[in-house]
Amino acid sequence: MDLVLDAGALIAIDRADRRVAGLVELGRRAGATLVTVAPVVAQAWRDPLDRLAWPGRSA
């Protein structure tokens, strides 16, 4: 079983959101593999000033 992470989940993990951490832990206990895709990583990537670097947003 795979647990597919979207940009919101990656951002929540980065911010140490307990709800998402709990869901990830439940998936881990169930034997799920965490997966995502490159465009999702690119969407959630942060710039050096720790601001969300959303596409189309000027820095």
C-alpha atoms as a PDB file:
ATOM      1  CA  MET A   1       0.000   0.000   0.000  1.00  0.00           C
ATOM      2  CA  ASP A   2       1.251   3.508  -0.829  1.00  0.00           C
ATOM      3  CA  LEU A   3       0.526   6.720   1.054  1.00  0.00           C
ATOM      4  CA  VAL A   4       0.687   9.507  -1.537  1.00  0.00           C
ATOM      5  CA  LEU A   5       1.759  12.875  -0.145  1.00  0.00           C
ATOM      6  CA  ASP A   6       0.613  16.107  -1.784  1.00  0.00           C
ATOM      7  CA  ALA A   7       2.213  19.547  -1.365  1.00  0.00           C
ATOM      8  CA  GLY A   8       0.033  20.314   1.645  1.00  0.00           C
ATOM      9  CA  ALA A   9       1.240  17.180   3.399  1.00  0.00           C
ATOM     10  CA  LEU A  10       4.894  17.992   2.684  1.00  0.00           C
ATOM     11  CA  ILE A  11       4.463  21.520   4.015  1.00  0.00           C
ATOM     12  CA  ALA A  12       2.676  20.187   7.101  1.00  0.00           C
ATOM     13  CA  ILE A  13       5.509  17.726   7.727  1.00  0.00           C
ATOM     14  CA  ASP A  14       8.020  20.574   7.376  1.00  0.00           C
ATOM     15  CA  ARG A  15       6.042  22.571   9.956  1.00  0.00           C
ATOM     16  CA  ALA A  16       5.831  19.573  12.327  1.00  0.00           C
ATOM     17  CA  ASP A  17       2.030  19.392  12.106  1.00  0.00           C
ATOM     18  CA  ARG A  18       0.906  16.743  14.585  1.00  0.00           C
ATOM     19  CA  ARG A  19      -2.167  15.724  12.599  1.00  0.00           C
ATOM     20  CA  VAL A  20      -0.156  14.866   9.521  1.00  0.00           C
ATOM     21  CA  ALA A  21       2.544  13.221  11.634  1.00  0.00           C
ATOM     22  CA  GLY A  22      -0.175  11.025  13.134  1.00  0.00           C
ATOM     23  CA  LEU A  23      -1.494  10.046   9.716  1.00  0.00           C
ATOM     24  CA  VAL A  24       2.019   9.243   8.512  1.00  0.00           C
ATOM     25  CA  GLU A  25       2.584   7.119  11.624  1.00  0.00           C
ATOM     26  CA  LEU A  26      -0.663   5.228  11.021  1.00  0.00           C
ATOM     27  CA  GLY A  27       0.454   4.570   7.463  1.00  0.00           C
ATOM     28  CA  ARG A  28       3.861   3.408   8.642  1.00  0.00           C
ATOM     29  CA  ARG A  29       2.278   0.978  11.100  1.00  0.00           C
ATOM     30  CA  ALA A  30       0.109  -0.369   8.303  1.00  0.00           C
ATOM     31  CA  GLY A  31       3.203  -0.960   6.168  1.00  0.00           C
ATOM     32  CA  ALA A  32       2.525   1.857   3.711  1.00  0.00           C
ATOM     33  CA  THR A  33       5.256   3.294   1.533  1.00  0.00           C
ATOM     34  CA  LEU A  34       5.401   7.110   1.466  1.00  0.00           C
ATOM     35  CA  VAL A  35       5.465   8.421  -2.102  1.00  0.00           C
ATOM     36  CA  THR A  36       5.171  11.706  -3.944  1.00  0.00           C
ATOM     37  CA  VAL A  37       6.090  13.058  -7.373  1.00  0.00           C
ATOM     38  CA  ALA A  38       8.621  15.664  -8.491  1.00  0.00           C
ATOM     39  CA  PRO A  39       6.054  18.390  -9.347  1.00  0.00           C
ATOM     40  CA  VAL A  40       4.699  18.171  -5.793  1.00  0.00           C
ATOM     41  CA  VAL A  41       8.199  18.550  -4.349  1.00  0.00           C
ATOM     42  CA  ALA A  42       8.794  21.528  -6.640  1.00  0.00           C
ATOM     43  CA  GLN A  43       5.544  23.134  -5.507  1.00  0.00           C
ATOM     44  CA  ALA A  44       6.369  22.772  -1.815  1.00  0.00           C
ATOM     45  CA  TRP A  45      10.062  23.716  -2.095  1.00  0.00           C
ATOM     46  CA  ARG A  46      11.103  26.647   0.093  1.00  0.00           C
ATOM     47  CA  ASP A  47      13.408  29.466  -0.894  1.00  0.00           C
ATOM     48  CA  PRO A  48      16.496  30.434   1.203  1.00  0.00           C
ATOM     49  CA  LEU A  49      14.481  33.012   3.199  1.00  0.00           C
ATOM     50  CA  ASP A  50      12.089  30.245   4.356  1.00  0.00           C
ATOM     51  CA  ARG A  51       9.137  31.587   2.405  1.00  0.00           C
ATOM     52  CA  LEU A  52       6.976  29.288   0.364  1.00  0.00           C
ATOM     53  CA  ALA A  53       8.231  29.467  -3.192  1.00  0.00           C
ATOM     54  CA  TRP A  54       4.915  28.968  -4.967  1.00  0.00           C
ATOM     55  CA  PRO A  55       5.049  29.086  -8.768  1.00  0.00           C
ATOM     56  CA  GLY A  56       4.156  32.491 -10.163  1.00  0.00           C
ATOM     57  CA  ARG A  57       4.863  34.318  -6.896  1.00  0.00           C
ATOM     58  CA  SER A  58       7.592  36.917  -7.017  1.00  0.00           C
ATOM     59  CA  ALA A  59      10.114  36.810  -4.184  1.00  0.00           C
END
